[in-house]
Amino acid sequence: MEKAQASEKPAQYLTFTLAGDEYAAGILQVKEIIEYQPPTRVPQTPASIRGVINLRGKVIPVIDLAVRFGLPPSQPGKRTCIVVVEAKLEGEPAVMGLLADAVNEVIDLMAGDIEPPPPFGTRVRVDYLIGMGKIGQKFVLLLDIDRVLSADDLLSAASIAAGAAPPPGDVPASANSPSAA
């Protein structure tokens, strides 16, 4: 049994701070970290979608996870950045930016360092979590990026990024009145 543990490879996670709590995303889903730039607001999108940015010629939706988790909107500061991730939305890869108050570090976690998510006590829906990673005496919330970014409102963000038409019943952006940020 010790041989099995010795050959077990740790999983890597990028940790970041959001509304005073520490979260982590699997490093294989993280494409890059960029300096915060104010996104361009897109009318008729949910409040959790802050807007879009131009990343080397590609339109990338920026998601405010604080709003997604039912918290007040993130306020950009000196350490605010955008974590660009790739999620699977309806089985297709979609690149999106996640607004983070600060990026901390990359951590290695063995399977034994990950506890199941508690049924209470977090500000995040339990189904958004892979688990709780133990780092010394503290825990970090391990996000299931595919689930966090899989809701219908985020699918509409992916269609904006892909240049697709808005979902049926939506008013084209040109016909909308300006929306407050």
N, C-alpha and C. Protein backbone atom coordinates (compact mmCIF):
# COMPACT_ATOMS: atom_id res chain seq x y z
N MET A 1 0.82 -1.19 0.00
CA MET A 1 0.00 0.00 0.00
C MET A 1 0.87 1.26 0.00
N GLU A 2 2.04 1.21 0.64
CA GLU A 2 2.93 2.37 0.64
C GLU A 2 3.44 2.66 -0.76
N LYS A 3 3.63 1.62 -1.58
CA LYS A 3 4.08 1.83 -2.95
C LYS A 3 3.03 2.61 -3.74
N ALA A 4 1.75 2.32 -3.51
CA ALA A 4 0.68 3.03 -4.21
C ALA A 4 0.70 4.50 -3.83
N GLN A 5 0.92 4.80 -2.56
CA GLN A 5 0.96 6.20 -2.14
C GLN A 5 2.21 6.89 -2.68
N ALA A 6 3.33 6.19 -2.73
CA ALA A 6 4.57 6.79 -3.22
C ALA A 6 4.45 7.13 -4.71
N SER A 7 3.70 6.33 -5.48
CA SER A 7 3.56 6.60 -6.90
C SER A 7 2.44 7.59 -7.21
N GLU A 8 1.61 7.89 -6.21
CA GLU A 8 0.52 8.84 -6.42
C GLU A 8 1.10 10.23 -6.69
N LYS A 9 0.62 10.85 -7.73
CA LYS A 9 1.11 12.18 -8.07
C LYS A 9 0.14 13.22 -7.53
N PRO A 10 0.68 14.31 -7.02
CA PRO A 10 -0.22 15.35 -6.51
C PRO A 10 -0.90 16.08 -7.67
N ALA A 11 -2.08 16.58 -7.39
CA ALA A 11 -2.79 17.43 -8.36
C ALA A 11 -2.41 18.87 -8.05
N GLN A 12 -2.29 19.68 -9.07
CA GLN A 12 -1.92 21.08 -8.87
C GLN A 12 -3.14 21.97 -9.04
N TYR A 13 -3.20 23.00 -8.18
CA TYR A 13 -4.30 23.96 -8.19
C TYR A 13 -3.73 25.37 -8.08
N LEU A 14 -4.35 26.29 -8.79
CA LEU A 14 -4.03 27.71 -8.66
C LEU A 14 -4.95 28.29 -7.60
N THR A 15 -4.40 28.90 -6.57
CA THR A 15 -5.22 29.50 -5.52
C THR A 15 -5.38 30.99 -5.77
N PHE A 16 -6.57 31.48 -5.44
CA PHE A 16 -6.85 32.91 -5.57
C PHE A 16 -7.83 33.33 -4.50
N THR A 17 -7.85 34.63 -4.22
CA THR A 17 -8.71 35.18 -3.19
C THR A 17 -9.91 35.86 -3.84
N LEU A 18 -11.05 35.65 -3.21
CA LEU A 18 -12.29 36.25 -3.68
C LEU A 18 -13.14 36.57 -2.46
N ALA A 19 -13.44 37.83 -2.26
CA ALA A 19 -14.27 38.28 -1.14
C ALA A 19 -13.75 37.75 0.21
N GLY A 20 -12.43 37.74 0.36
CA GLY A 20 -11.82 37.34 1.63
C GLY A 20 -11.65 35.85 1.82
N ASP A 21 -12.14 35.01 0.90
CA ASP A 21 -11.99 33.57 1.01
C ASP A 21 -11.00 33.08 -0.05
N GLU A 22 -10.37 31.93 0.22
CA GLU A 22 -9.41 31.38 -0.72
C GLU A 22 -10.04 30.22 -1.50
N TYR A 23 -9.93 30.30 -2.81
CA TYR A 23 -10.47 29.31 -3.72
C TYR A 23 -9.32 28.76 -4.56
N ALA A 24 -9.59 27.65 -5.24
CA ALA A 24 -8.58 27.08 -6.13
C ALA A 24 -9.26 26.46 -7.34
N ALA A 25 -8.54 26.52 -8.46
CA ALA A 25 -9.00 25.91 -9.71
C ALA A 25 -7.90 24.97 -10.19
N GLY A 26 -8.29 23.84 -10.76
CA GLY A 26 -7.31 22.89 -11.30
C GLY A 26 -6.42 23.57 -12.31
N ILE A 27 -5.12 23.41 -12.15
CA ILE A 27 -4.15 24.11 -12.99
C ILE A 27 -4.29 23.74 -14.47
N LEU A 28 -4.80 22.54 -14.75
CA LEU A 28 -4.94 22.14 -16.15
C LEU A 28 -6.04 22.92 -16.87
N GLN A 29 -6.96 23.53 -16.11
CA GLN A 29 -8.00 24.34 -16.73
C GLN A 29 -7.60 25.82 -16.84
N VAL A 30 -6.53 26.20 -16.14
CA VAL A 30 -6.07 27.59 -16.17
C VAL A 30 -5.18 27.78 -17.39
N LYS A 31 -5.56 28.74 -18.23
CA LYS A 31 -4.78 29.02 -19.44
C LYS A 31 -3.74 30.10 -19.20
N GLU A 32 -4.13 31.14 -18.48
CA GLU A 32 -3.20 32.21 -18.14
C GLU A 32 -3.83 33.15 -17.12
N ILE A 33 -3.01 34.03 -16.58
CA ILE A 33 -3.45 35.05 -15.64
C ILE A 33 -3.05 36.37 -16.25
N ILE A 34 -4.01 37.29 -16.37
CA ILE A 34 -3.69 38.59 -16.96
C ILE A 34 -4.04 39.71 -15.99
N GLU A 35 -3.37 40.83 -16.18
CA GLU A 35 -3.65 42.01 -15.38
C GLU A 35 -5.08 42.46 -15.64
N TYR A 36 -5.72 42.98 -14.60
CA TYR A 36 -7.11 43.42 -14.75
C TYR A 36 -7.20 44.54 -15.76
N GLN A 37 -8.17 44.42 -16.63
CA GLN A 37 -8.55 45.49 -17.56
C GLN A 37 -10.07 45.56 -17.51
N PRO A 38 -10.60 46.77 -17.43
CA PRO A 38 -12.06 46.87 -17.33
C PRO A 38 -12.73 46.24 -18.55
N PRO A 39 -13.65 45.30 -18.31
CA PRO A 39 -14.34 44.67 -19.44
C PRO A 39 -15.37 45.62 -20.06
N THR A 40 -15.67 45.37 -21.31
CA THR A 40 -16.73 46.11 -22.00
C THR A 40 -18.05 45.44 -21.65
N ARG A 41 -18.97 46.20 -21.06
CA ARG A 41 -20.26 45.66 -20.64
C ARG A 41 -21.10 45.32 -21.86
N VAL A 42 -21.77 44.19 -21.81
CA VAL A 42 -22.66 43.76 -22.89
C VAL A 42 -24.08 43.84 -22.36
N PRO A 43 -24.94 44.64 -22.99
CA PRO A 43 -26.32 44.76 -22.51
C PRO A 43 -27.05 43.42 -22.49
N GLN A 44 -28.01 43.32 -21.58
CA GLN A 44 -28.89 42.15 -21.46
C GLN A 44 -28.15 40.87 -21.07
N THR A 45 -27.03 41.01 -20.36
CA THR A 45 -26.35 39.82 -19.83
C THR A 45 -26.57 39.81 -18.32
N PRO A 46 -26.50 38.65 -17.70
CA PRO A 46 -26.67 38.55 -16.25
C PRO A 46 -25.62 39.37 -15.50
N ALA A 47 -25.92 39.75 -14.27
CA ALA A 47 -25.02 40.58 -13.47
C ALA A 47 -23.67 39.90 -13.23
N SER A 48 -23.63 38.57 -13.21
CA SER A 48 -22.36 37.88 -12.97
C SER A 48 -21.40 37.99 -14.15
N ILE A 49 -21.91 38.37 -15.31
CA ILE A 49 -21.05 38.56 -16.48
C ILE A 49 -20.70 40.04 -16.53
N ARG A 50 -19.46 40.35 -16.15
CA ARG A 50 -19.03 41.75 -16.08
C ARG A 50 -18.88 42.38 -17.45
N GLY A 51 -18.68 41.56 -18.47
CA GLY A 51 -18.49 42.07 -19.82
C GLY A 51 -17.53 41.18 -20.57
N VAL A 52 -16.89 41.74 -21.58
CA VAL A 52 -15.94 40.99 -22.39
C VAL A 52 -14.65 41.79 -22.53
N ILE A 53 -13.56 41.05 -22.75
CA ILE A 53 -12.27 41.67 -23.04
C ILE A 53 -11.75 41.12 -24.35
N ASN A 54 -10.82 41.83 -24.94
CA ASN A 54 -10.15 41.39 -26.16
C ASN A 54 -8.81 40.81 -25.74
N LEU A 55 -8.65 39.51 -25.91
CA LEU A 55 -7.40 38.86 -25.56
C LEU A 55 -6.77 38.33 -26.84
N ARG A 56 -5.80 39.08 -27.35
CA ARG A 56 -5.11 38.73 -28.59
C ARG A 56 -6.09 38.43 -29.72
N GLY A 57 -7.09 39.29 -29.87
CA GLY A 57 -8.04 39.17 -30.97
C GLY A 57 -9.24 38.27 -30.69
N LYS A 58 -9.31 37.68 -29.51
CA LYS A 58 -10.45 36.82 -29.17
C LYS A 58 -11.31 37.50 -28.10
N VAL A 59 -12.61 37.36 -28.24
CA VAL A 59 -13.54 37.91 -27.27
C VAL A 59 -13.67 36.92 -26.12
N ILE A 60 -13.35 37.39 -24.91
CA ILE A 60 -13.38 36.53 -23.72
C ILE A 60 -14.37 37.12 -22.72
N PRO A 61 -15.44 36.40 -22.36
CA PRO A 61 -16.35 36.88 -21.32
C PRO A 61 -15.65 36.86 -19.96
N VAL A 62 -15.93 37.87 -19.14
CA VAL A 62 -15.35 37.95 -17.80
C VAL A 62 -16.47 37.75 -16.79
N ILE A 63 -16.30 36.74 -15.93
CA ILE A 63 -17.30 36.36 -14.95
C ILE A 63 -16.86 36.84 -13.58
N ASP A 64 -17.75 37.52 -12.86
CA ASP A 64 -17.48 37.93 -11.49
C ASP A 64 -18.01 36.81 -10.59
N LEU A 65 -17.10 35.95 -10.11
CA LEU A 65 -17.51 34.81 -9.29
C LEU A 65 -18.19 35.26 -8.00
N ALA A 66 -17.82 36.42 -7.48
CA ALA A 66 -18.47 36.89 -6.26
C ALA A 66 -19.97 37.02 -6.50
N VAL A 67 -20.37 37.64 -7.60
CA VAL A 67 -21.79 37.79 -7.92
C VAL A 67 -22.39 36.41 -8.18
N ARG A 68 -21.66 35.56 -8.87
CA ARG A 68 -22.13 34.20 -9.17
C ARG A 68 -22.44 33.44 -7.89
N PHE A 69 -21.67 33.73 -6.82
CA PHE A 69 -21.85 33.07 -5.54
C PHE A 69 -22.80 33.81 -4.61
N GLY A 70 -23.48 34.86 -5.12
CA GLY A 70 -24.45 35.59 -4.32
C GLY A 70 -23.84 36.63 -3.40
N LEU A 71 -22.62 37.05 -3.66
CA LEU A 71 -21.93 38.05 -2.85
C LEU A 71 -21.96 39.40 -3.58
N PRO A 72 -21.59 40.49 -2.89
CA PRO A 72 -21.52 41.78 -3.59
C PRO A 72 -20.47 41.73 -4.70
N PRO A 73 -20.65 42.54 -5.74
CA PRO A 73 -19.69 42.54 -6.86
C PRO A 73 -18.27 42.85 -6.39
N SER A 74 -17.29 42.24 -7.06
CA SER A 74 -15.88 42.50 -6.77
C SER A 74 -15.55 43.94 -7.13
N GLN A 75 -14.74 44.56 -6.30
CA GLN A 75 -14.26 45.91 -6.56
C GLN A 75 -12.79 45.82 -6.96
N PRO A 76 -12.46 46.19 -8.21
CA PRO A 76 -11.07 46.07 -8.65
C PRO A 76 -10.11 46.86 -7.76
N GLY A 77 -8.98 46.22 -7.46
CA GLY A 77 -7.93 46.84 -6.65
C GLY A 77 -6.58 46.62 -7.32
N LYS A 78 -5.51 46.90 -6.57
CA LYS A 78 -4.16 46.79 -7.11
C LYS A 78 -3.79 45.37 -7.53
N ARG A 79 -4.30 44.36 -6.82
CA ARG A 79 -3.93 42.96 -7.11
C ARG A 79 -4.99 42.23 -7.92
N THR A 80 -6.07 42.91 -8.30
CA THR A 80 -7.13 42.27 -9.08
C THR A 80 -6.58 41.79 -10.42
N CYS A 81 -6.98 40.60 -10.80
CA CYS A 81 -6.55 40.07 -12.09
C CYS A 81 -7.67 39.21 -12.67
N ILE A 82 -7.44 38.77 -13.88
CA ILE A 82 -8.39 37.90 -14.57
C ILE A 82 -7.70 36.56 -14.80
N VAL A 83 -8.30 35.51 -14.27
CA VAL A 83 -7.78 34.16 -14.47
C VAL A 83 -8.52 33.58 -15.68
N VAL A 84 -7.80 33.34 -16.74
CA VAL A 84 -8.41 32.81 -17.96
C VAL A 84 -8.42 31.28 -17.85
N VAL A 85 -9.62 30.72 -17.93
CA VAL A 85 -9.80 29.27 -17.78
C VAL A 85 -10.52 28.70 -18.99
N GLU A 86 -10.38 27.40 -19.17
CA GLU A 86 -11.13 26.69 -20.19
C GLU A 86 -12.07 25.72 -19.49
N ALA A 87 -13.35 25.89 -19.74
CA ALA A 87 -14.36 25.02 -19.15
C ALA A 87 -15.06 24.26 -20.26
N LYS A 88 -15.74 23.20 -19.88
CA LYS A 88 -16.56 22.44 -20.83
C LYS A 88 -18.00 22.89 -20.63
N LEU A 89 -18.58 23.51 -21.65
CA LEU A 89 -19.97 23.93 -21.62
C LEU A 89 -20.71 23.13 -22.67
N GLU A 90 -21.63 22.30 -22.21
CA GLU A 90 -22.37 21.39 -23.08
C GLU A 90 -21.41 20.55 -23.92
N GLY A 91 -20.32 20.12 -23.29
CA GLY A 91 -19.35 19.25 -23.94
C GLY A 91 -18.34 19.95 -24.82
N GLU A 92 -18.48 21.25 -25.02
CA GLU A 92 -17.57 22.00 -25.88
C GLU A 92 -16.66 22.88 -25.03
N PRO A 93 -15.38 23.03 -25.43
CA PRO A 93 -14.50 23.91 -24.66
C PRO A 93 -14.89 25.37 -24.84
N ALA A 94 -14.86 26.12 -23.74
CA ALA A 94 -15.16 27.55 -23.76
C ALA A 94 -14.14 28.26 -22.89
N VAL A 95 -13.53 29.30 -23.41
CA VAL A 95 -12.55 30.07 -22.66
C VAL A 95 -13.24 31.28 -22.06
N MET A 96 -13.05 31.46 -20.74
CA MET A 96 -13.67 32.56 -20.02
C MET A 96 -12.68 33.11 -19.01
N GLY A 97 -12.90 34.35 -18.62
CA GLY A 97 -12.07 34.97 -17.59
C GLY A 97 -12.82 35.01 -16.28
N LEU A 98 -12.13 34.73 -15.18
CA LEU A 98 -12.70 34.80 -13.85
C LEU A 98 -12.05 35.96 -13.12
N LEU A 99 -12.85 36.86 -12.61
CA LEU A 99 -12.34 37.99 -11.86
C LEU A 99 -11.89 37.51 -10.49
N ALA A 100 -10.64 37.80 -10.11
CA ALA A 100 -10.10 37.39 -8.81
C ALA A 100 -9.53 38.62 -8.12
N ASP A 101 -9.76 38.72 -6.81
CA ASP A 101 -9.20 39.84 -6.04
C ASP A 101 -7.68 39.77 -6.03
N ALA A 102 -7.14 38.56 -5.99
CA ALA A 102 -5.69 38.36 -6.03
C ALA A 102 -5.41 36.90 -6.33
N VAL A 103 -4.33 36.64 -7.06
CA VAL A 103 -3.87 35.28 -7.29
C VAL A 103 -2.77 35.03 -6.27
N ASN A 104 -2.80 33.86 -5.63
CA ASN A 104 -1.86 33.58 -4.55
C ASN A 104 -0.69 32.70 -4.99
N GLU A 105 -0.96 31.41 -5.27
CA GLU A 105 0.12 30.49 -5.60
C GLU A 105 -0.44 29.22 -6.23
N VAL A 106 0.47 28.40 -6.75
CA VAL A 106 0.11 27.06 -7.22
C VAL A 106 0.45 26.11 -6.09
N ILE A 107 -0.51 25.25 -5.74
CA ILE A 107 -0.31 24.28 -4.66
C ILE A 107 -0.42 22.86 -5.20
N ASP A 108 0.25 21.94 -4.53
CA ASP A 108 0.15 20.52 -4.84
C ASP A 108 -0.68 19.86 -3.75
N LEU A 109 -1.70 19.10 -4.14
CA LEU A 109 -2.52 18.38 -3.17
C LEU A 109 -2.57 16.91 -3.54
N MET A 110 -2.30 16.08 -2.57
CA MET A 110 -2.46 14.63 -2.74
C MET A 110 -3.93 14.31 -2.51
N ALA A 111 -4.38 13.17 -2.97
CA ALA A 111 -5.78 12.79 -2.79
C ALA A 111 -6.18 12.80 -1.31
N GLY A 112 -5.28 12.44 -0.43
CA GLY A 112 -5.56 12.43 1.00
C GLY A 112 -5.68 13.81 1.61
N ASP A 113 -5.25 14.84 0.87
CA ASP A 113 -5.35 16.23 1.35
C ASP A 113 -6.68 16.87 0.99
N ILE A 114 -7.54 16.12 0.28
CA ILE A 114 -8.82 16.68 -0.17
C ILE A 114 -9.96 16.02 0.58
N GLU A 115 -10.72 16.85 1.27
CA GLU A 115 -11.88 16.39 2.03
C GLU A 115 -13.14 16.68 1.21
N PRO A 116 -14.22 15.91 1.40
CA PRO A 116 -15.47 16.22 0.70
C PRO A 116 -15.99 17.58 1.16
N PRO A 117 -16.71 18.27 0.28
CA PRO A 117 -17.24 19.58 0.69
C PRO A 117 -18.28 19.42 1.81
N PRO A 118 -18.29 20.36 2.75
CA PRO A 118 -19.28 20.26 3.82
C PRO A 118 -20.66 20.63 3.30
N PRO A 119 -21.72 20.08 3.88
CA PRO A 119 -23.06 20.41 3.42
C PRO A 119 -23.52 21.79 3.90
N PHE A 120 -22.66 22.50 4.64
CA PHE A 120 -23.02 23.82 5.19
C PHE A 120 -21.74 24.61 5.40
N GLY A 121 -21.90 25.90 5.68
CA GLY A 121 -20.78 26.71 6.14
C GLY A 121 -19.94 27.38 5.07
N THR A 122 -20.25 27.19 3.78
CA THR A 122 -19.51 27.90 2.75
C THR A 122 -20.47 28.85 2.05
N ARG A 123 -19.89 29.86 1.42
CA ARG A 123 -20.72 30.82 0.68
C ARG A 123 -20.99 30.36 -0.74
N VAL A 124 -20.50 29.18 -1.07
CA VAL A 124 -20.62 28.64 -2.41
C VAL A 124 -21.52 27.41 -2.37
N ARG A 125 -22.33 27.26 -3.41
CA ARG A 125 -23.15 26.04 -3.50
C ARG A 125 -22.23 24.82 -3.47
N VAL A 126 -22.62 23.82 -2.71
CA VAL A 126 -21.80 22.63 -2.55
C VAL A 126 -21.54 21.94 -3.88
N ASP A 127 -22.50 21.98 -4.80
CA ASP A 127 -22.28 21.31 -6.08
C ASP A 127 -21.26 22.04 -6.96
N TYR A 128 -20.82 23.24 -6.57
CA TYR A 128 -19.76 23.96 -7.29
C TYR A 128 -18.38 23.52 -6.82
N LEU A 129 -18.32 22.69 -5.76
CA LEU A 129 -17.04 22.33 -5.16
C LEU A 129 -16.65 20.89 -5.48
N ILE A 130 -15.36 20.69 -5.72
CA ILE A 130 -14.79 19.36 -5.81
C ILE A 130 -14.54 18.86 -4.40
N GLY A 131 -14.12 19.78 -3.55
CA GLY A 131 -13.82 19.43 -2.17
C GLY A 131 -13.12 20.58 -1.47
N MET A 132 -12.55 20.26 -0.31
CA MET A 132 -11.82 21.23 0.50
C MET A 132 -10.38 20.72 0.59
N GLY A 133 -9.44 21.53 0.09
CA GLY A 133 -8.04 21.14 0.14
C GLY A 133 -7.40 21.59 1.44
N LYS A 134 -6.73 20.66 2.13
CA LYS A 134 -6.04 20.98 3.38
C LYS A 134 -4.64 21.50 3.07
N ILE A 135 -4.39 22.73 3.55
CA ILE A 135 -3.07 23.33 3.42
C ILE A 135 -2.64 23.70 4.83
N GLY A 136 -1.85 22.85 5.44
CA GLY A 136 -1.46 23.08 6.83
C GLY A 136 -2.69 23.04 7.72
N GLN A 137 -2.96 24.14 8.42
CA GLN A 137 -4.10 24.22 9.33
C GLN A 137 -5.33 24.86 8.69
N LYS A 138 -5.24 25.27 7.42
CA LYS A 138 -6.38 25.92 6.79
C LYS A 138 -6.88 25.12 5.60
N PHE A 139 -8.02 25.54 5.08
CA PHE A 139 -8.63 24.89 3.92
C PHE A 139 -8.77 25.89 2.78
N VAL A 140 -8.74 25.37 1.57
CA VAL A 140 -9.02 26.14 0.38
C VAL A 140 -10.18 25.44 -0.33
N LEU A 141 -11.12 26.22 -0.86
CA LEU A 141 -12.28 25.66 -1.56
C LEU A 141 -11.89 25.32 -2.99
N LEU A 142 -11.97 24.05 -3.35
CA LEU A 142 -11.60 23.59 -4.68
C LEU A 142 -12.82 23.65 -5.59
N LEU A 143 -12.78 24.54 -6.56
CA LEU A 143 -13.93 24.75 -7.45
C LEU A 143 -13.96 23.75 -8.59
N ASP A 144 -15.17 23.32 -8.93
CA ASP A 144 -15.41 22.53 -10.12
C ASP A 144 -15.77 23.55 -11.21
N ILE A 145 -14.77 24.00 -11.94
CA ILE A 145 -14.95 25.08 -12.91
C ILE A 145 -16.04 24.77 -13.92
N ASP A 146 -16.12 23.53 -14.38
CA ASP A 146 -17.16 23.17 -15.36
C ASP A 146 -18.55 23.39 -14.79
N ARG A 147 -18.77 23.07 -13.52
CA ARG A 147 -20.09 23.27 -12.91
C ARG A 147 -20.36 24.73 -12.60
N VAL A 148 -19.36 25.44 -12.10
CA VAL A 148 -19.53 26.85 -11.77
C VAL A 148 -19.92 27.63 -13.03
N LEU A 149 -19.34 27.25 -14.15
CA LEU A 149 -19.56 28.00 -15.39
C LEU A 149 -20.56 27.33 -16.33
N SER A 150 -21.40 26.42 -15.83
CA SER A 150 -22.26 25.67 -16.74
C SER A 150 -23.70 26.16 -16.83
N ALA A 151 -24.08 27.16 -16.07
CA ALA A 151 -25.48 27.61 -16.05
C ALA A 151 -25.85 28.29 -17.37
N ASP A 152 -27.16 28.41 -17.60
CA ASP A 152 -27.67 28.99 -18.84
C ASP A 152 -27.14 30.40 -19.11
N ASP A 153 -27.05 31.23 -18.04
CA ASP A 153 -26.57 32.59 -18.27
C ASP A 153 -25.13 32.60 -18.74
N LEU A 154 -24.33 31.64 -18.29
CA LEU A 154 -22.95 31.58 -18.74
C LEU A 154 -22.85 30.99 -20.14
N LEU A 155 -23.79 30.14 -20.50
CA LEU A 155 -23.82 29.65 -21.88
C LEU A 155 -24.08 30.81 -22.84
N SER A 156 -24.89 31.77 -22.40
CA SER A 156 -25.13 32.93 -23.26
C SER A 156 -23.85 33.75 -23.40
N ALA A 157 -23.03 33.80 -22.35
CA ALA A 157 -21.75 34.50 -22.43
C ALA A 157 -20.83 33.80 -23.43
N ALA A 158 -20.85 32.48 -23.42
CA ALA A 158 -20.02 31.73 -24.35
C ALA A 158 -20.47 31.99 -25.78
N SER A 159 -21.79 32.13 -25.99
CA SER A 159 -22.26 32.41 -27.35
C SER A 159 -21.87 33.81 -27.79
N ILE A 160 -21.81 34.75 -26.84
CA ILE A 160 -21.33 36.11 -27.17
C ILE A 160 -19.88 36.02 -27.62
N ALA A 161 -19.07 35.27 -26.85
CA ALA A 161 -17.65 35.14 -27.18
C ALA A 161 -17.45 34.46 -28.53
N ALA A 162 -18.32 33.51 -28.85
CA ALA A 162 -18.19 32.79 -30.11
C ALA A 162 -18.76 33.58 -31.29
N GLY A 163 -19.41 34.71 -30.99
CA GLY A 163 -19.99 35.52 -32.05
C GLY A 163 -21.31 34.99 -32.54
N ALA A 164 -21.93 34.12 -31.77
CA ALA A 164 -23.21 33.53 -32.16
C ALA A 164 -24.34 34.52 -31.89
N ALA A 165 -25.47 34.24 -32.48
CA ALA A 165 -26.65 35.06 -32.25
C ALA A 165 -27.15 34.84 -30.84
N PRO A 166 -27.82 35.84 -30.23
CA PRO A 166 -28.37 35.63 -28.90
C PRO A 166 -29.42 34.54 -28.92
N PRO A 167 -29.65 33.89 -27.76
CA PRO A 167 -30.65 32.84 -27.70
C PRO A 167 -32.02 33.36 -28.14
N PRO A 168 -32.91 32.48 -28.66
CA PRO A 168 -34.23 32.92 -29.11
C PRO A 168 -34.96 33.67 -28.01
N GLY A 169 -35.64 34.75 -28.41
CA GLY A 169 -36.39 35.54 -27.43
C GLY A 169 -35.59 36.69 -26.87
N ASP A 170 -34.26 36.68 -27.05
CA ASP A 170 -33.45 37.78 -26.56
C ASP A 170 -33.51 38.93 -27.56
N VAL A 171 -33.41 40.13 -27.05
CA VAL A 171 -33.39 41.31 -27.90
C VAL A 171 -31.96 41.53 -28.36
N PRO A 172 -31.73 41.79 -29.64
CA PRO A 172 -30.36 42.05 -30.09
C PRO A 172 -29.75 43.21 -29.31
N ALA A 173 -28.43 43.14 -29.07
CA ALA A 173 -27.74 44.14 -28.26
C ALA A 173 -27.95 45.55 -28.80
N SER A 174 -28.02 45.72 -30.12
CA SER A 174 -28.18 47.06 -30.71
C SER A 174 -29.53 47.67 -30.37
N ALA A 175 -30.51 46.86 -30.01
CA ALA A 175 -31.84 47.39 -29.71
C ALA A 175 -32.03 47.67 -28.22
N ASN A 176 -31.04 47.32 -27.42
CA ASN A 176 -31.15 47.51 -25.97
C ASN A 176 -30.75 48.90 -25.55
N SER A 177 -31.36 49.36 -24.50
CA SER A 177 -30.90 50.61 -23.92
C SER A 177 -29.67 50.31 -23.09
N PRO A 178 -28.79 51.30 -22.86
CA PRO A 178 -27.58 51.04 -22.07
C PRO A 178 -27.96 50.52 -20.68
N SER A 179 -27.16 49.57 -20.21
CA SER A 179 -27.42 49.04 -18.87
C SER A 179 -26.38 49.56 -17.90
N ALA A 180 -26.77 49.67 -16.65
CA ALA A 180 -25.85 50.14 -15.63
C ALA A 180 -24.86 49.04 -15.31
N ALA A 181 -23.63 49.44 -15.06
CA ALA A 181 -22.58 48.46 -14.75
C ALA A 181 -22.71 47.98 -13.33
